[in-house]
Amino acid sequence: MPTSKTGSWFQDGARFQDGTLQTTAAFSNSVFPNIEGSLQVLDTTVPQTVSFVPTVTTLVAVSLYMSNPGAGTAGHTLTVTVSYTCELGAETISIVMTLDVPQIVMETYPLLCIGGTTISLTTAYTGGAVNDMYSISARLVQMA
């Protein structure tokens, strides 16, 4: 069982000794999640994008946080598009945030992405919006 006692072995084969993480061969060969793409912009008025190409077919977690102060005109929206390729072919997810009321949108998607293909997250103004302020934070995390 895992323990926090210094020098004790964890169930997965790792232990902390003298402030450093020590591992067994089995543990050190495992794969950790990696942040492969990161985007964080506050109070922007321009489109944003982040992407990466996994080298192998893998699960990618897309985490998205976006907000706006609600200063836009009625009908103005921001659309975030997530594009990727899975075993079924090219896929697109669209998330729309209205810009005329203050709000926060949070989404997380676990996506199976085919190795060698691009996964991307892009923003675009829609509904006549051209420069309404918004904030966005997004991560593309390649899972083990």
C-alpha atoms as a PDB file:
ATOM      1  CA  MET A   1       0.000   0.000   0.000  1.00  0.00           C
ATOM      2  CA  PRO A   2       1.201   3.556  -0.696  1.00  0.00           C
ATOM      3  CA  THR A   3       2.696   5.397   2.203  1.00  0.00           C
ATOM      4  CA  SER A   4       4.208   8.818   2.666  1.00  0.00           C
ATOM      5  CA  LYS A   5       6.877   7.593   5.055  1.00  0.00           C
ATOM      6  CA  THR A   6      10.351   8.473   3.743  1.00  0.00           C
ATOM      7  CA  GLY A   7      12.200   5.438   2.405  1.00  0.00           C
ATOM      8  CA  SER A   8       9.088   3.271   2.091  1.00  0.00           C
ATOM      9  CA  TRP A   9       8.256   1.685  -1.255  1.00  0.00           C
ATOM     10  CA  PHE A  10       5.033   2.652  -2.998  1.00  0.00           C
ATOM     11  CA  GLN A  11       2.888  -0.020  -4.635  1.00  0.00           C
ATOM     12  CA  ASP A  12       3.971   1.117  -8.124  1.00  0.00           C
ATOM     13  CA  GLY A  13       7.648   0.574  -7.337  1.00  0.00           C
ATOM     14  CA  ALA A  14       8.691   4.122  -6.499  1.00  0.00           C
ATOM     15  CA  ARG A  15       9.905   5.576  -3.233  1.00  0.00           C
ATOM     16  CA  PHE A  16      11.110   8.859  -1.830  1.00  0.00           C
ATOM     17  CA  GLN A  17      14.531   8.744  -0.221  1.00  0.00           C
ATOM     18  CA  ASP A  18      16.382  11.846   0.930  1.00  0.00           C
ATOM     19  CA  GLY A  19      14.056  14.142  -1.034  1.00  0.00           C
ATOM     20  CA  THR A  20      14.425  12.347  -4.384  1.00  0.00           C
ATOM     21  CA  LEU A  21      12.168   9.922  -6.213  1.00  0.00           C
ATOM     22  CA  GLN A  22      13.720   6.493  -6.708  1.00  0.00           C
ATOM     23  CA  THR A  23      12.137   3.949  -9.014  1.00  0.00           C
ATOM     24  CA  THR A  24      12.376   0.317  -9.985  1.00  0.00           C
ATOM     25  CA  ALA A  25      12.939  -0.640 -13.625  1.00  0.00           C
ATOM     26  CA  ALA A  26       9.223  -1.419 -14.066  1.00  0.00           C
ATOM     27  CA  PHE A  27       8.226   2.004 -12.764  1.00  0.00           C
ATOM     28  CA  SER A  28      10.803   3.949 -14.763  1.00  0.00           C
ATOM     29  CA  ASN A  29       9.618   2.331 -18.014  1.00  0.00           C
ATOM     30  CA  SER A  30       6.036   3.558 -17.526  1.00  0.00           C
ATOM     31  CA  VAL A  31       4.712   6.586 -19.384  1.00  0.00           C
ATOM     32  CA  PHE A  32       3.464   9.712 -17.631  1.00  0.00           C
ATOM     33  CA  PRO A  33       0.933  12.168 -19.053  1.00  0.00           C
ATOM     34  CA  ASN A  34       2.664  15.004 -20.907  1.00  0.00           C
ATOM     35  CA  ILE A  35       1.329  18.490 -21.613  1.00  0.00           C
ATOM     36  CA  GLU A  36       1.994  18.679 -25.343  1.00  0.00           C
ATOM     37  CA  GLY A  37       0.142  21.884 -26.099  1.00  0.00           C
ATOM     38  CA  SER A  38      -0.646  24.806 -23.857  1.00  0.00           C
ATOM     39  CA  LEU A  39      -2.483  28.083 -24.397  1.00  0.00           C
ATOM     40  CA  GLN A  40      -3.318  30.720 -21.819  1.00  0.00           C
ATOM     41  CA  VAL A  41      -4.349  34.250 -22.734  1.00  0.00           C
ATOM     42  CA  LEU A  42      -6.263  36.756 -20.609  1.00  0.00           C
ATOM     43  CA  ASP A  43      -8.438  39.552 -22.018  1.00  0.00           C
ATOM     44  CA  THR A  44      -7.582  38.918 -25.659  1.00  0.00           C
ATOM     45  CA  THR A  45      -9.386  40.142 -28.753  1.00  0.00           C
ATOM     46  CA  VAL A  46      -7.611  37.992 -31.341  1.00  0.00           C
ATOM     47  CA  PRO A  47      -8.110  34.391 -32.447  1.00  0.00           C
ATOM     48  CA  GLN A  48      -5.909  31.781 -30.753  1.00  0.00           C
ATOM     49  CA  THR A  49      -4.687  28.300 -31.653  1.00  0.00           C
ATOM     50  CA  VAL A  50      -2.735  25.415 -30.151  1.00  0.00           C
ATOM     51  CA  SER A  51      -1.912  22.038 -31.719  1.00  0.00           C
ATOM     52  CA  PHE A  52       0.395  19.054 -31.690  1.00  0.00           C
ATOM     53  CA  VAL A  53       0.969  15.775 -33.527  1.00  0.00           C
ATOM     54  CA  PRO A  54       1.175  12.631 -31.366  1.00  0.00           C
ATOM     55  CA  THR A  55       3.765  10.172 -32.665  1.00  0.00           C
ATOM     56  CA  VAL A  56       1.658   7.130 -31.723  1.00  0.00           C
ATOM     57  CA  THR A  57      -2.064   6.480 -31.438  1.00  0.00           C
ATOM     58  CA  THR A  58      -2.938   7.617 -27.941  1.00  0.00           C
ATOM     59  CA  LEU A  59      -5.533   9.148 -25.676  1.00  0.00           C
ATOM     60  CA  VAL A  60      -5.315  12.945 -25.530  1.00  0.00           C
ATOM     61  CA  ALA A  61      -7.175  14.913 -22.863  1.00  0.00           C
ATOM     62  CA  VAL A  62      -8.313  18.316 -24.055  1.00  0.00           C
ATOM     63  CA  SER A  63      -9.088  20.668 -21.163  1.00  0.00           C
ATOM     64  CA  LEU A  64     -10.619  24.040 -21.876  1.00  0.00           C
ATOM     65  CA  TYR A  65     -11.537  27.037 -19.733  1.00  0.00           C
ATOM     66  CA  MET A  66     -12.852  30.222 -21.296  1.00  0.00           C
ATOM     67  CA  SER A  67     -14.626  33.292 -19.995  1.00  0.00           C
ATOM     68  CA  ASN A  68     -15.826  36.696 -21.070  1.00  0.00           C
ATOM     69  CA  PRO A  69     -17.033  39.829 -19.264  1.00  0.00           C
ATOM     70  CA  GLY A  70     -20.269  40.027 -21.281  1.00  0.00           C
ATOM     71  CA  ALA A  71     -19.499  43.305 -23.027  1.00  0.00           C
ATOM     72  CA  GLY A  72     -20.286  42.042 -26.530  1.00  0.00           C
ATOM     73  CA  THR A  73     -23.332  42.848 -28.629  1.00  0.00           C
ATOM     74  CA  ALA A  74     -26.281  40.451 -28.655  1.00  0.00           C
ATOM     75  CA  GLY A  75     -25.592  37.627 -31.102  1.00  0.00           C
ATOM     76  CA  HIS A  76     -21.803  37.869 -30.854  1.00  0.00           C
ATOM     77  CA  THR A  77     -20.192  34.521 -30.087  1.00  0.00           C
ATOM     78  CA  LEU A  78     -16.817  32.861 -29.817  1.00  0.00           C
ATOM     79  CA  THR A  79     -16.491  29.366 -31.254  1.00  0.00           C
ATOM     80  CA  VAL A  80     -13.743  27.010 -30.117  1.00  0.00           C
ATOM     81  CA  THR A  81     -13.120  24.174 -32.545  1.00  0.00           C
ATOM     82  CA  VAL A  82     -11.262  20.998 -31.602  1.00  0.00           C
ATOM     83  CA  SER A  83     -10.162  18.999 -34.652  1.00  0.00           C
ATOM     84  CA  TYR A  84      -8.562  15.566 -34.524  1.00  0.00           C
ATOM     85  CA  THR A  85      -8.472  12.190 -36.258  1.00  0.00           C
ATOM     86  CA  CYS A  86      -9.677   9.043 -34.501  1.00  0.00           C
ATOM     87  CA  GLU A  87     -10.209   5.471 -35.706  1.00  0.00           C
ATOM     88  CA  LEU A  88     -13.419   6.641 -37.457  1.00  0.00           C
ATOM     89  CA  GLY A  89     -11.703   9.445 -39.405  1.00  0.00           C
ATOM     90  CA  ALA A  90     -11.578  13.224 -39.046  1.00  0.00           C
ATOM     91  CA  GLU A  91     -13.685  14.625 -36.199  1.00  0.00           C
ATOM     92  CA  THR A  92     -14.627  18.143 -35.072  1.00  0.00           C
ATOM     93  CA  ILE A  93     -16.029  19.383 -31.763  1.00  0.00           C
ATOM     94  CA  SER A  94     -17.415  22.930 -31.577  1.00  0.00           C
ATOM     95  CA  ILE A  95     -18.007  24.821 -28.335  1.00  0.00           C
ATOM     96  CA  VAL A  96     -19.846  28.142 -28.592  1.00  0.00           C
ATOM     97  CA  MET A  97     -19.726  30.898 -25.959  1.00  0.00           C
ATOM     98  CA  THR A  98     -22.024  33.909 -26.220  1.00  0.00           C
ATOM     99  CA  LEU A  99     -20.228  37.200 -25.668  1.00  0.00           C
ATOM    100  CA  ASP A 100     -23.136  39.424 -24.588  1.00  0.00           C
ATOM    101  CA  VAL A 101     -23.484  37.980 -21.054  1.00  0.00           C
ATOM    102  CA  PRO A 102     -20.690  37.289 -18.546  1.00  0.00           C
ATOM    103  CA  GLN A 103     -19.942  33.594 -18.358  1.00  0.00           C
ATOM    104  CA  ILE A 104     -17.423  30.840 -17.810  1.00  0.00           C
ATOM    105  CA  VAL A 105     -17.278  27.697 -19.940  1.00  0.00           C
ATOM    106  CA  MET A 106     -15.297  24.618 -18.847  1.00  0.00           C
ATOM    107  CA  GLU A 107     -14.965  21.437 -20.903  1.00  0.00           C
ATOM    108  CA  THR A 108     -12.755  18.341 -20.874  1.00  0.00           C
ATOM    109  CA  TYR A 109     -12.674  15.721 -23.619  1.00  0.00           C
ATOM    110  CA  PRO A 110     -10.736  12.438 -23.669  1.00  0.00           C
ATOM    111  CA  LEU A 111     -10.009  11.809 -27.363  1.00  0.00           C
ATOM    112  CA  LEU A 112      -8.376   8.832 -29.072  1.00  0.00           C
ATOM    113  CA  CYS A 113      -5.996  10.402 -31.598  1.00  0.00           C
ATOM    114  CA  ILE A 114      -4.300   8.514 -34.407  1.00  0.00           C
ATOM    115  CA  GLY A 115      -0.512   8.838 -34.371  1.00  0.00           C
ATOM    116  CA  GLY A 116       0.950  11.146 -36.984  1.00  0.00           C
ATOM    117  CA  THR A 117      -2.200  13.283 -37.254  1.00  0.00           C
ATOM    118  CA  THR A 118      -2.761  16.765 -35.864  1.00  0.00           C
ATOM    119  CA  ILE A 119      -5.001  17.610 -32.938  1.00  0.00           C
ATOM    120  CA  SER A 120      -5.791  21.316 -32.764  1.00  0.00           C
ATOM    121  CA  LEU A 121      -7.859  23.788 -30.800  1.00  0.00           C
ATOM    122  CA  THR A 122      -8.693  27.110 -32.441  1.00  0.00           C
ATOM    123  CA  THR A 123     -10.900  30.086 -31.603  1.00  0.00           C
ATOM    124  CA  ALA A 124     -12.891  32.195 -34.031  1.00  0.00           C
ATOM    125  CA  TYR A 125     -15.362  35.042 -33.679  1.00  0.00           C
ATOM    126  CA  THR A 126     -18.851  34.297 -35.028  1.00  0.00           C
ATOM    127  CA  GLY A 127     -22.205  36.051 -35.150  1.00  0.00           C
ATOM    128  CA  GLY A 128     -20.655  39.342 -36.256  1.00  0.00           C
ATOM    129  CA  ALA A 129     -18.144  39.584 -33.411  1.00  0.00           C
ATOM    130  CA  VAL A 130     -14.735  40.975 -34.344  1.00  0.00           C
ATOM    131  CA  ASN A 131     -13.026  42.229 -31.190  1.00  0.00           C
ATOM    132  CA  ASP A 132     -15.012  41.259 -28.081  1.00  0.00           C
ATOM    133  CA  MET A 133     -12.757  40.472 -25.121  1.00  0.00           C
ATOM    134  CA  TYR A 134     -12.384  36.910 -23.836  1.00  0.00           C
ATOM    135  CA  SER A 135      -9.936  34.796 -21.823  1.00  0.00           C
ATOM    136  CA  ILE A 136      -8.906  31.234 -22.579  1.00  0.00           C
ATOM    137  CA  SER A 137      -6.781  28.524 -21.033  1.00  0.00           C
ATOM    138  CA  ALA A 138      -6.377  25.175 -22.782  1.00  0.00           C
ATOM    139  CA  ARG A 139      -4.167  22.104 -22.447  1.00  0.00           C
ATOM    140  CA  LEU A 140      -3.594  19.173 -24.776  1.00  0.00           C
ATOM    141  CA  VAL A 141      -2.334  16.345 -22.592  1.00  0.00           C
ATOM    142  CA  GLN A 142      -1.014  13.097 -24.034  1.00  0.00           C
ATOM    143  CA  MET A 143      -2.080  10.339 -21.647  1.00  0.00           C
ATOM    144  CA  ALA A 144      -0.113   7.219 -20.738  1.00  0.00           C
END
